Protein backbone atom coordinates (compact mmCIF):
# COMPACT_ATOMS: atom_id res chain seq x y z
CA UNK A 1 -52.11 24.29 26.68
CA UNK A 2 -53.55 26.32 24.01
CA UNK A 3 -50.75 27.02 20.82
CA UNK A 4 -50.05 30.22 22.19
CA UNK A 5 -49.30 29.31 25.44
CA UNK A 6 -47.19 26.80 24.27
CA UNK A 7 -44.99 28.78 22.12
CA UNK A 8 -44.78 31.66 24.97
CA UNK A 9 -43.50 28.85 27.31
CA UNK A 10 -41.07 28.34 24.22
CA UNK A 11 -39.68 31.22 23.22
CA UNK A 12 -39.14 31.97 27.89
CA UNK A 13 -37.32 29.55 27.72
CA UNK A 14 -34.97 30.54 24.43
CA UNK A 15 -34.39 33.73 26.13
CA UNK A 16 -33.89 32.45 29.33
CA UNK A 17 -31.55 29.86 27.60
CA UNK A 18 -29.72 32.19 26.52
CA UNK A 19 -29.05 34.82 28.87
CA UNK A 20 -27.41 31.27 30.95
CA UNK A 21 -24.87 30.91 28.05
CA UNK A 22 -24.22 34.74 27.73
CA UNK A 23 -23.68 34.57 31.78
CA UNK A 24 -21.74 31.17 31.77
CA UNK A 25 -19.59 32.78 29.08
CA UNK A 26 -19.37 35.79 30.67
CA UNK A 27 -18.57 33.59 33.54
CA UNK A 28 -15.95 31.75 31.99
CA UNK A 29 -13.82 34.96 30.90
CA UNK A 30 -14.01 36.57 34.01
CA UNK A 31 -12.16 33.59 35.39
CA UNK A 32 -9.93 33.27 32.66
CA UNK A 33 -9.00 36.80 32.98
CA UNK A 34 -8.50 36.59 36.38
CA UNK A 35 -5.76 33.40 35.77
CA UNK A 36 -3.69 34.82 33.37
CA UNK A 37 -3.48 38.00 35.81
CA UNK A 38 -2.32 35.51 38.22
CA UNK A 39 -0.07 34.41 36.59
CA UNK A 40 1.52 36.94 34.95
CA UNK A 41 2.02 38.60 38.37
CA UNK A 42 3.68 35.03 39.87
CA UNK A 43 6.35 36.05 36.75
CA UNK A 44 6.84 39.03 36.99
CA UNK A 45 7.57 38.08 40.94
CA UNK A 46 9.89 35.80 40.14
CA UNK A 47 12.04 37.95 37.53
CA UNK A 48 11.51 40.49 40.27
CA UNK A 49 13.19 38.01 42.77
CA UNK A 50 15.65 36.42 39.83
CA UNK A 51 17.28 39.85 39.34
CA UNK A 52 17.60 40.78 43.17
CA UNK A 53 19.47 37.64 43.98
CA UNK A 54 21.53 38.58 40.65
CA UNK A 55 22.35 42.00 41.82
CA UNK A 56 22.97 40.34 45.48
CA UNK A 57 25.33 38.35 44.23
CA UNK A 58 27.27 41.36 41.96
CA UNK A 59 27.60 43.15 45.52
CA UNK A 60 28.79 40.37 47.33
CA UNK A 61 31.29 39.96 44.43
CA UNK A 62 32.03 43.21 44.30
CA UNK A 63 32.47 43.85 48.28
CA UNK A 64 35.35 40.22 47.75
CA UNK A 65 37.21 42.13 45.85
CA UNK A 66 40.70 42.68 47.09
CA UNK A 67 40.48 46.05 46.27
CA UNK A 68 41.67 48.62 49.12
CA UNK A 69 41.80 52.22 47.26
CA UNK A 70 38.36 52.91 47.70
CA UNK A 71 36.42 53.52 50.58
CA UNK A 72 33.76 51.69 51.81
CA UNK A 73 30.32 53.96 52.25
CA UNK A 74 28.88 53.84 55.89
CA UNK A 75 26.91 51.85 55.80
CA UNK A 76 27.86 49.00 54.52
């Protein structure tokens, strides 16, 4: 092979390596962003469940009070 051909093959290999590295970094960032979003969604869901559980406990405690001077709404 001539020196020009060797240089051309090396340049093609270098450009391909650079594109491969860029694709790897892009894929890694996409996976990281997806995992971070999934973690945030799960944390929000956990907080929502805890708030709903606390609200239910509060409603049950209020309903269990022995007060009779307030009407109970229909449907409860």
